[in-house]
Amino acid sequence: LVLQHRGQDAAGIATGEGNRFHMHKASGLVRDVFR
């Protein structure tokens, strides 16, 4: 959200838990991509 001024086209987050990754990404602003 703080860095939203650097890009408005798409957003994504990936987290690591041991040898497993979880990821969610989509087109849009940060507030719209993540529920």
PDB file of all heavy atoms in Angstrom:
ATOM      1  N   LEU A   1       0.831  -1.201   0.000  1.00  0.00           N
ATOM      2  CA  LEU A   1       0.000   0.000   0.000  1.00  0.00           C
ATOM      3  C   LEU A   1       0.869   1.256   0.000  1.00  0.00           C
ATOM      4  O   LEU A   1       0.565   2.244  -0.676  1.00  0.00           O
ATOM      5  CB  LEU A   1      -0.929   0.009   1.213  1.00  0.00           C
ATOM      6  CG  LEU A   1      -2.123  -0.957   1.190  1.00  0.00           C
ATOM      7  CD1 LEU A   1      -2.894  -0.844   2.498  1.00  0.00           C
ATOM      8  CD2 LEU A   1      -3.047  -0.674   0.005  1.00  0.00           C
ATOM      9  N   VAL A   2       1.948   1.229   0.765  1.00  0.00           N
ATOM     10  CA  VAL A   2       2.847   2.375   0.842  1.00  0.00           C
ATOM     11  C   VAL A   2       3.570   2.589  -0.487  1.00  0.00           C
ATOM     12  O   VAL A   2       3.879   3.718  -0.870  1.00  0.00           O
ATOM     13  CB  VAL A   2       3.860   2.172   1.988  1.00  0.00           C
ATOM     14  CG1 VAL A   2       4.901   3.278   1.993  1.00  0.00           C
ATOM     15  CG2 VAL A   2       3.144   2.132   3.326  1.00  0.00           C
ATOM     16  N   LEU A   3       3.827   1.495  -1.214  1.00  0.00           N
ATOM     17  CA  LEU A   3       4.556   1.572  -2.480  1.00  0.00           C
ATOM     18  C   LEU A   3       3.635   1.560  -3.694  1.00  0.00           C
ATOM     19  O   LEU A   3       4.103   1.424  -4.825  1.00  0.00           O
ATOM     20  CB  LEU A   3       5.546   0.397  -2.582  1.00  0.00           C
ATOM     21  CG  LEU A   3       6.652   0.362  -1.536  1.00  0.00           C
ATOM     22  CD1 LEU A   3       7.489  -0.906  -1.696  1.00  0.00           C
ATOM     23  CD2 LEU A   3       7.537   1.601  -1.630  1.00  0.00           C
ATOM     24  N   GLN A   4       2.336   1.748  -3.477  1.00  0.00           N
ATOM     25  CA  GLN A   4       1.379   1.675  -4.578  1.00  0.00           C
ATOM     26  C   GLN A   4       1.689   2.694  -5.679  1.00  0.00           C
ATOM     27  O   GLN A   4       1.381   2.453  -6.856  1.00  0.00           O
ATOM     28  CB  GLN A   4      -0.042   1.913  -4.062  1.00  0.00           C
ATOM     29  CG  GLN A   4      -1.138   1.806  -5.100  1.00  0.00           C
ATOM     30  CD  GLN A   4      -1.449   0.385  -5.524  1.00  0.00           C
ATOM     31  OE1 GLN A   4      -2.250  -0.292  -4.897  1.00  0.00           O
ATOM     32  NE2 GLN A   4      -0.785  -0.072  -6.571  1.00  0.00           N
ATOM     33  N   HIS A   5       2.304   3.826  -5.322  1.00  0.00           N
ATOM     34  CA  HIS A   5       2.634   4.835  -6.333  1.00  0.00           C
ATOM     35  C   HIS A   5       3.612   4.327  -7.378  1.00  0.00           C
ATOM     36  O   HIS A   5       3.741   4.914  -8.451  1.00  0.00           O
ATOM     37  CB  HIS A   5       3.235   6.072  -5.646  1.00  0.00           C
ATOM     38  CG  HIS A   5       4.505   5.809  -4.901  1.00  0.00           C
ATOM     39  ND1 HIS A   5       4.535   5.179  -3.679  1.00  0.00           N
ATOM     40  CD2 HIS A   5       5.801   6.087  -5.214  1.00  0.00           C
ATOM     41  CE1 HIS A   5       5.788   5.077  -3.265  1.00  0.00           C
ATOM     42  NE2 HIS A   5       6.569   5.617  -4.174  1.00  0.00           N
ATOM     43  N   ARG A   6       4.305   3.214  -7.100  1.00  0.00           N
ATOM     44  CA  ARG A   6       5.288   2.688  -8.036  1.00  0.00           C
ATOM     45  C   ARG A   6       4.685   1.726  -9.053  1.00  0.00           C
ATOM     46  O   ARG A   6       5.381   1.305  -9.979  1.00  0.00           O
ATOM     47  CB  ARG A   6       6.422   1.992  -7.272  1.00  0.00           C
ATOM     48  CG  ARG A   6       7.178   2.899  -6.319  1.00  0.00           C
ATOM     49  CD  ARG A   6       8.424   2.237  -5.780  1.00  0.00           C
ATOM     50  NE  ARG A   6       9.415   2.016  -6.824  1.00  0.00           N
ATOM     51  CZ  ARG A   6      10.329   2.898  -7.195  1.00  0.00           C
ATOM     52  NH1 ARG A   6      10.382   4.091  -6.607  1.00  0.00           N
ATOM     53  NH2 ARG A   6      11.194   2.609  -8.144  1.00  0.00           N
ATOM     54  N   GLY A   7       3.416   1.360  -8.873  1.00  0.00           N
ATOM     55  CA  GLY A   7       2.795   0.459  -9.833  1.00  0.00           C
ATOM     56  C   GLY A   7       1.339   0.212  -9.523  1.00  0.00           C
ATOM     57  O   GLY A   7       0.996  -0.126  -8.385  1.00  0.00           O
ATOM     58  N   GLN A   8       0.491   0.379 -10.525  1.00  0.00           N
ATOM     59  CA  GLN A   8      -0.951   0.255 -10.329  1.00  0.00           C
ATOM     60  C   GLN A   8      -1.563  -0.834 -11.198  1.00  0.00           C
ATOM     61  O   GLN A   8      -2.779  -1.036 -11.178  1.00  0.00           O
ATOM     62  CB  GLN A   8      -1.632   1.590 -10.682  1.00  0.00           C
ATOM     63  CG  GLN A   8      -1.154   2.752  -9.856  1.00  0.00           C
ATOM     64  CD  GLN A   8      -1.608   4.110 -10.381  1.00  0.00           C
ATOM     65  OE1 GLN A   8      -1.226   5.138  -9.859  1.00  0.00           O
ATOM     66  NE2 GLN A   8      -2.415   4.122 -11.420  1.00  0.00           N
ATOM     67  N   ASP A   9      -0.750  -1.542 -11.958  1.00  0.00           N
ATOM     68  CA  ASP A   9      -1.266  -2.497 -12.940  1.00  0.00           C
ATOM     69  C   ASP A   9      -1.589  -3.850 -12.318  1.00  0.00           C
ATOM     70  O   ASP A   9      -2.584  -4.480 -12.672  1.00  0.00           O
ATOM     71  CB  ASP A   9      -0.231  -2.676 -14.057  1.00  0.00           C
ATOM     72  CG  ASP A   9      -0.687  -3.638 -15.130  1.00  0.00           C
ATOM     73  OD1 ASP A   9      -1.587  -3.273 -15.898  1.00  0.00           O
ATOM     74  OD2 ASP A   9      -0.153  -4.760 -15.188  1.00  0.00           O
ATOM     75  N   ALA A  10      -0.761  -4.312 -11.395  1.00  0.00           N
ATOM     76  CA  ALA A  10      -0.953  -5.636 -10.791  1.00  0.00           C
ATOM     77  C   ALA A  10      -0.213  -5.688  -9.468  1.00  0.00           C
ATOM     78  O   ALA A  10       0.668  -4.861  -9.198  1.00  0.00           O
ATOM     79  CB  ALA A  10      -0.455  -6.740 -11.728  1.00  0.00           C
ATOM     80  N   ALA A  11      -0.573  -6.662  -8.641  1.00  0.00           N
ATOM     81  CA  ALA A  11       0.087  -6.834  -7.345  1.00  0.00           C
ATOM     82  C   ALA A  11       0.138  -8.314  -7.003  1.00  0.00           C
ATOM     83  O   ALA A  11      -0.712  -9.103  -7.446  1.00  0.00           O
ATOM     84  CB  ALA A  11      -0.649  -6.057  -6.248  1.00  0.00           C
ATOM     85  N   GLY A  12       1.131  -8.688  -6.211  1.00  0.00           N
ATOM     86  CA  GLY A  12       1.248 -10.079  -5.801  1.00  0.00           C
ATOM     87  C   GLY A  12       2.035 -10.226  -4.524  1.00  0.00           C
ATOM     88  O   GLY A  12       2.905  -9.395  -4.207  1.00  0.00           O
ATOM     89  N   ILE A  13       1.709 -11.269  -3.763  1.00  0.00           N
ATOM     90  CA  ILE A  13       2.429 -11.614  -2.537  1.00  0.00           C
ATOM     91  C   ILE A  13       2.727 -13.106  -2.574  1.00  0.00           C
ATOM     92  O   ILE A  13       1.870 -13.913  -2.951  1.00  0.00           O
ATOM     93  CB  ILE A  13       1.608 -11.286  -1.275  1.00  0.00           C
ATOM     94  CG1 ILE A  13       1.449  -9.772  -1.103  1.00  0.00           C
ATOM     95  CG2 ILE A  13       2.259 -11.878  -0.020  1.00  0.00           C
ATOM     96  CD1 ILE A  13       0.564  -9.374   0.073  1.00  0.00           C
ATOM     97  N   ALA A  14       3.941 -13.468  -2.184  1.00  0.00           N
ATOM     98  CA  ALA A  14       4.311 -14.873  -1.995  1.00  0.00           C
ATOM     99  C   ALA A  14       4.936 -15.018  -0.618  1.00  0.00           C
ATOM    100  O   ALA A  14       5.786 -14.205  -0.230  1.00  0.00           O
ATOM    101  CB  ALA A  14       5.288 -15.338  -3.074  1.00  0.00           C
ATOM    102  N   THR A  15       4.511 -16.017   0.125  1.00  0.00           N
ATOM    103  CA  THR A  15       5.070 -16.271   1.453  1.00  0.00           C
ATOM    104  C   THR A  15       5.693 -17.661   1.484  1.00  0.00           C
ATOM    105  O   THR A  15       5.325 -18.547   0.709  1.00  0.00           O
ATOM    106  CB  THR A  15       3.996 -16.167   2.546  1.00  0.00           C
ATOM    107  OG1 THR A  15       2.931 -17.082   2.259  1.00  0.00           O
ATOM    108  CG2 THR A  15       3.439 -14.754   2.623  1.00  0.00           C
ATOM    109  N   GLY A  16       6.648 -17.831   2.401  1.00  0.00           N
ATOM    110  CA  GLY A  16       7.341 -19.101   2.532  1.00  0.00           C
ATOM    111  C   GLY A  16       7.077 -19.732   3.879  1.00  0.00           C
ATOM    112  O   GLY A  16       7.095 -19.054   4.916  1.00  0.00           O
ATOM    113  N   GLU A  17       6.835 -21.028   3.835  1.00  0.00           N
ATOM    114  CA  GLU A  17       6.564 -21.804   5.049  1.00  0.00           C
ATOM    115  C   GLU A  17       7.275 -23.136   4.899  1.00  0.00           C
ATOM    116  O   GLU A  17       6.759 -24.070   4.282  1.00  0.00           O
ATOM    117  CB  GLU A  17       5.059 -21.988   5.203  1.00  0.00           C
ATOM    118  CG  GLU A  17       4.610 -22.513   6.539  1.00  0.00           C
ATOM    119  CD  GLU A  17       3.092 -22.537   6.649  1.00  0.00           C
ATOM    120  OE1 GLU A  17       2.405 -22.655   5.609  1.00  0.00           O
ATOM    121  OE2 GLU A  17       2.603 -22.440   7.785  1.00  0.00           O
ATOM    122  N   GLY A  18       8.520 -23.194   5.429  1.00  0.00           N
ATOM    123  CA  GLY A  18       9.314 -24.396   5.211  1.00  0.00           C
ATOM    124  C   GLY A  18       9.665 -24.533   3.740  1.00  0.00           C
ATOM    125  O   GLY A  18      10.158 -23.606   3.102  1.00  0.00           O
ATOM    126  N   ASN A  19       9.390 -25.716   3.153  1.00  0.00           N
ATOM    127  CA  ASN A  19       9.643 -25.953   1.736  1.00  0.00           C
ATOM    128  C   ASN A  19       8.404 -25.698   0.887  1.00  0.00           C
ATOM    129  O   ASN A  19       8.278 -26.245  -0.209  1.00  0.00           O
ATOM    130  CB  ASN A  19      10.125 -27.398   1.516  1.00  0.00           C
ATOM    131  CG  ASN A  19      11.587 -27.542   1.898  1.00  0.00           C
ATOM    132  OD1 ASN A  19      12.349 -26.590   1.826  1.00  0.00           O
ATOM    133  ND2 ASN A  19      11.970 -28.735   2.311  1.00  0.00           N
ATOM    134  N   ARG A  20       7.508 -24.896   1.362  1.00  0.00           N
ATOM    135  CA  ARG A  20       6.269 -24.614   0.636  1.00  0.00           C
ATOM    136  C   ARG A  20       6.083 -23.118   0.481  1.00  0.00           C
ATOM    137  O   ARG A  20       6.337 -22.344   1.402  1.00  0.00           O
ATOM    138  CB  ARG A  20       5.086 -25.226   1.387  1.00  0.00           C
ATOM    139  CG  ARG A  20       3.731 -24.903   0.789  1.00  0.00           C
ATOM    140  CD  ARG A  20       2.620 -25.600   1.560  1.00  0.00           C
ATOM    141  NE  ARG A  20       2.638 -27.036   1.346  1.00  0.00           N
ATOM    142  CZ  ARG A  20       1.706 -27.866   1.805  1.00  0.00           C
ATOM    143  NH1 ARG A  20       0.685 -27.399   2.506  1.00  0.00           N
ATOM    144  NH2 ARG A  20       1.777 -29.154   1.565  1.00  0.00           N
ATOM    145  N   PHE A  21       5.670 -22.712  -0.713  1.00  0.00           N
ATOM    146  CA  PHE A  21       5.325 -21.325  -0.974  1.00  0.00           C
ATOM    147  C   PHE A  21       3.813 -21.187  -1.125  1.00  0.00           C
ATOM    148  O   PHE A  21       3.147 -22.082  -1.644  1.00  0.00           O
ATOM    149  CB  PHE A  21       5.966 -20.829  -2.279  1.00  0.00           C
ATOM    150  CG  PHE A  21       7.456 -20.696  -2.248  1.00  0.00           C
ATOM    151  CD1 PHE A  21       8.208 -21.038  -3.363  1.00  0.00           C
ATOM    152  CD2 PHE A  21       8.114 -20.220  -1.124  1.00  0.00           C
ATOM    153  CE1 PHE A  21       9.581 -20.904  -3.347  1.00  0.00           C
ATOM    154  CE2 PHE A  21       9.481 -20.096  -1.099  1.00  0.00           C
ATOM    155  CZ  PHE A  21      10.229 -20.438  -2.221  1.00  0.00           C
ATOM    156  N   HIS A  22       3.293 -20.048  -0.691  1.00  0.00           N
ATOM    157  CA  HIS A  22       1.901 -19.675  -0.935  1.00  0.00           C
ATOM    158  C   HIS A  22       1.922 -18.368  -1.732  1.00  0.00           C
ATOM    159  O   HIS A  22       2.659 -17.445  -1.376  1.00  0.00           O
ATOM    160  CB  HIS A  22       1.147 -19.466   0.379  1.00  0.00           C
ATOM    161  CG  HIS A  22       1.266 -20.613   1.332  1.00  0.00           C
ATOM    162  ND1 HIS A  22       0.434 -21.708   1.304  1.00  0.00           N
ATOM    163  CD2 HIS A  22       2.146 -20.845   2.346  1.00  0.00           C
ATOM    164  CE1 HIS A  22       0.767 -22.552   2.262  1.00  0.00           C
ATOM    165  NE2 HIS A  22       1.808 -22.046   2.918  1.00  0.00           N
ATOM    166  N   MET A  23       1.116 -18.260  -2.765  1.00  0.00           N
ATOM    167  CA  MET A  23       1.158 -17.067  -3.597  1.00  0.00           C
ATOM    168  C   MET A  23      -0.232 -16.673  -4.071  1.00  0.00           C
ATOM    169  O   MET A  23      -1.064 -17.520  -4.402  1.00  0.00           O
ATOM    170  CB  MET A  23       2.057 -17.283  -4.817  1.00  0.00           C
ATOM    171  CG  MET A  23       2.208 -16.050  -5.700  1.00  0.00           C
ATOM    172  SD  MET A  23       3.621 -16.119  -6.819  1.00  0.00           S
ATOM    173  CE  MET A  23       3.150 -17.490  -7.872  1.00  0.00           C
ATOM    174  N   HIS A  24      -0.462 -15.366  -4.095  1.00  0.00           N
ATOM    175  CA  HIS A  24      -1.668 -14.814  -4.695  1.00  0.00           C
ATOM    176  C   HIS A  24      -1.280 -13.565  -5.457  1.00  0.00           C
ATOM    177  O   HIS A  24      -0.583 -12.699  -4.934  1.00  0.00           O
ATOM    178  CB  HIS A  24      -2.712 -14.462  -3.631  1.00  0.00           C
ATOM    179  CG  HIS A  24      -3.928 -13.789  -4.211  1.00  0.00           C
ATOM    180  ND1 HIS A  24      -4.891 -14.483  -4.900  1.00  0.00           N
ATOM    181  CD2 HIS A  24      -4.306 -12.482  -4.243  1.00  0.00           C
ATOM    182  CE1 HIS A  24      -5.832 -13.640  -5.315  1.00  0.00           C
ATOM    183  NE2 HIS A  24      -5.496 -12.414  -4.925  1.00  0.00           N
ATOM    184  N   LYS A  25      -1.709 -13.461  -6.718  1.00  0.00           N
ATOM    185  CA  LYS A  25      -1.416 -12.282  -7.528  1.00  0.00           C
ATOM    186  C   LYS A  25      -2.509 -12.110  -8.568  1.00  0.00           C
ATOM    187  O   LYS A  25      -3.145 -13.080  -8.987  1.00  0.00           O
ATOM    188  CB  LYS A  25      -0.048 -12.395  -8.207  1.00  0.00           C
ATOM    189  CG  LYS A  25       0.126 -13.611  -9.125  1.00  0.00           C
ATOM    190  CD  LYS A  25       1.522 -13.612  -9.737  1.00  0.00           C
ATOM    191  CE  LYS A  25       1.709 -14.795 -10.679  1.00  0.00           C
ATOM    192  NZ  LYS A  25       3.030 -14.746 -11.351  1.00  0.00           N
ATOM    193  N   ALA A  26      -2.737 -10.860  -8.960  1.00  0.00           N
ATOM    194  CA  ALA A  26      -3.779 -10.555  -9.943  1.00  0.00           C
ATOM    195  C   ALA A  26      -3.593  -9.132 -10.435  1.00  0.00           C
ATOM    196  O   ALA A  26      -2.826  -8.349  -9.870  1.00  0.00           O
ATOM    197  CB  ALA A  26      -5.176 -10.728  -9.332  1.00  0.00           C
ATOM    198  N   SER A  27      -4.304  -8.785 -11.493  1.00  0.00           N
ATOM    199  CA  SER A  27      -4.298  -7.417 -11.995  1.00  0.00           C
ATOM    200  C   SER A  27      -5.088  -6.512 -11.054  1.00  0.00           C
ATOM    201  O   SER A  27      -6.060  -6.936 -10.432  1.00  0.00           O
ATOM    202  CB  SER A  27      -4.916  -7.356 -13.391  1.00  0.00           C
ATOM    203  OG  SER A  27      -4.109  -8.036 -14.315  1.00  0.00           O
ATOM    204  N   GLY A  28      -4.664  -5.251 -10.967  1.00  0.00           N
ATOM    205  CA  GLY A  28      -5.409  -4.282 -10.182  1.00  0.00           C
ATOM    206  C   GLY A  28      -4.596  -3.653  -9.074  1.00  0.00           C
ATOM    207  O   GLY A  28      -3.423  -3.980  -8.855  1.00  0.00           O
ATOM    208  N   LEU A  29      -5.227  -2.721  -8.369  1.00  0.00           N
ATOM    209  CA  LEU A  29      -4.616  -2.087  -7.213  1.00  0.00           C
ATOM    210  C   LEU A  29      -4.514  -3.069  -6.052  1.00  0.00           C
ATOM    211  O   LEU A  29      -5.259  -4.055  -5.988  1.00  0.00           O
ATOM    212  CB  LEU A  29      -5.433  -0.869  -6.779  1.00  0.00           C
ATOM    213  CG  LEU A  29      -5.570   0.264  -7.802  1.00  0.00           C
ATOM    214  CD1 LEU A  29      -6.553   1.304  -7.287  1.00  0.00           C
ATOM    215  CD2 LEU A  29      -4.225   0.901  -8.098  1.00  0.00           C
ATOM    216  N   VAL A  30      -3.607  -2.784  -5.130  1.00  0.00           N
ATOM    217  CA  VAL A  30      -3.381  -3.683  -3.988  1.00  0.00           C
ATOM    218  C   VAL A  30      -4.677  -3.951  -3.237  1.00  0.00           C
ATOM    219  O   VAL A  30      -4.995  -5.091  -2.905  1.00  0.00           O
ATOM    220  CB  VAL A  30      -2.317  -3.076  -3.044  1.00  0.00           C
ATOM    221  CG1 VAL A  30      -2.175  -3.924  -1.785  1.00  0.00           C
ATOM    222  CG2 VAL A  30      -0.979  -2.947  -3.766  1.00  0.00           C
ATOM    223  N   ARG A  31      -5.451  -2.897  -2.974  1.00  0.00           N
ATOM    224  CA  ARG A  31      -6.673  -3.036  -2.192  1.00  0.00           C
ATOM    225  C   ARG A  31      -7.699  -3.913  -2.889  1.00  0.00           C
ATOM    226  O   ARG A  31      -8.599  -4.473  -2.241  1.00  0.00           O
ATOM    227  CB  ARG A  31      -7.269  -1.656  -1.919  1.00  0.00           C
ATOM    228  CG  ARG A  31      -7.809  -0.984  -3.162  1.00  0.00           C
ATOM    229  CD  ARG A  31      -8.274   0.426  -2.931  1.00  0.00           C
ATOM    230  NE  ARG A  31      -8.827   0.996  -4.145  1.00  0.00           N
ATOM    231  CZ  ARG A  31      -8.784   2.281  -4.461  1.00  0.00           C
ATOM    232  NH1 ARG A  31      -8.204   3.123  -3.639  1.00  0.00           N
ATOM    233  NH2 ARG A  31      -9.314   2.718  -5.577  1.00  0.00           N
ATOM    234  N   ASP A  32      -7.618  -4.013  -4.227  1.00  0.00           N
ATOM    235  CA  ASP A  32      -8.581  -4.807  -4.982  1.00  0.00           C
ATOM    236  C   ASP A  32      -8.118  -6.243  -5.203  1.00  0.00           C
ATOM    237  O   ASP A  32      -8.938  -7.130  -5.425  1.00  0.00           O
ATOM    238  CB  ASP A  32      -8.852  -4.151  -6.348  1.00  0.00           C
ATOM    239  CG  ASP A  32      -9.421  -2.753  -6.206  1.00  0.00           C
ATOM    240  OD1 ASP A  32     -10.230  -2.546  -5.275  1.00  0.00           O
ATOM    241  OD2 ASP A  32      -9.056  -1.872  -7.007  1.00  0.00           O
ATOM    242  N   VAL A  33      -6.822  -6.458  -5.183  1.00  0.00           N
ATOM    243  CA  VAL A  33      -6.274  -7.792  -5.464  1.00  0.00           C
ATOM    244  C   VAL A  33      -6.449  -8.738  -4.290  1.00  0.00           C
ATOM    245  O   VAL A  33      -6.733  -9.920  -4.463  1.00  0.00           O
ATOM    246  CB  VAL A  33      -4.780  -7.679  -5.851  1.00  0.00           C
ATOM    247  CG1 VAL A  33      -4.120  -9.055  -5.877  1.00  0.00           C
ATOM    248  CG2 VAL A  33      -4.636  -6.991  -7.208  1.00  0.00           C
ATOM    249  N   PHE A  34      -6.318  -8.226  -3.056  1.00  0.00           N
ATOM    250  CA  PHE A  34      -6.285  -9.097  -1.885  1.00  0.00           C
ATOM    251  C   PHE A  34      -7.568  -8.972  -1.068  1.00  0.00           C
ATOM    252  O   PHE A  34      -7.969  -7.882  -0.683  1.00  0.00           O
ATOM    253  CB  PHE A  34      -5.064  -8.763  -1.014  1.00  0.00           C
ATOM    254  CG  PHE A  34      -3.768  -8.945  -1.726  1.00  0.00           C
ATOM    255  CD1 PHE A  34      -3.105  -7.853  -2.281  1.00  0.00           C
ATOM    256  CD2 PHE A  34      -3.213 -10.202  -1.882  1.00  0.00           C
ATOM    257  CE1 PHE A  34      -1.911  -8.006  -2.959  1.00  0.00           C
ATOM    258  CE2 PHE A  34      -2.014 -10.371  -2.554  1.00  0.00           C
ATOM    259  CZ  PHE A  34      -1.364  -9.280  -3.091  1.00  0.00           C
ATOM    260  N   ARG A  35      -8.165 -10.115  -0.816  1.00  0.00           N
ATOM    261  CA  ARG A  35      -9.329 -10.223   0.050  1.00  0.00           C
ATOM    262  C   ARG A  35      -8.947 -11.057   1.279  1.00  0.00           C
ATOM    263  O   ARG A  35      -7.877 -11.663   1.334  1.00  0.00           O
ATOM    264  CB  ARG A  35     -10.491 -10.883  -0.697  1.00  0.00           C
ATOM    265  CG  ARG A  35     -11.022 -10.035  -1.862  1.00  0.00           C
ATOM    266  CD  ARG A  35     -11.836  -8.863  -1.319  1.00  0.00           C
ATOM    267  NE  ARG A  35     -12.452  -8.082  -2.397  1.00  0.00           N
ATOM    268  CZ  ARG A  35     -11.978  -6.949  -2.869  1.00  0.00           C
ATOM    269  NH1 ARG A  35     -10.845  -6.462  -2.374  1.00  0.00           N
ATOM    270  NH2 ARG A  35     -12.603  -6.288  -3.830  1.00  0.00           N
TER     271      ARG A  35
END
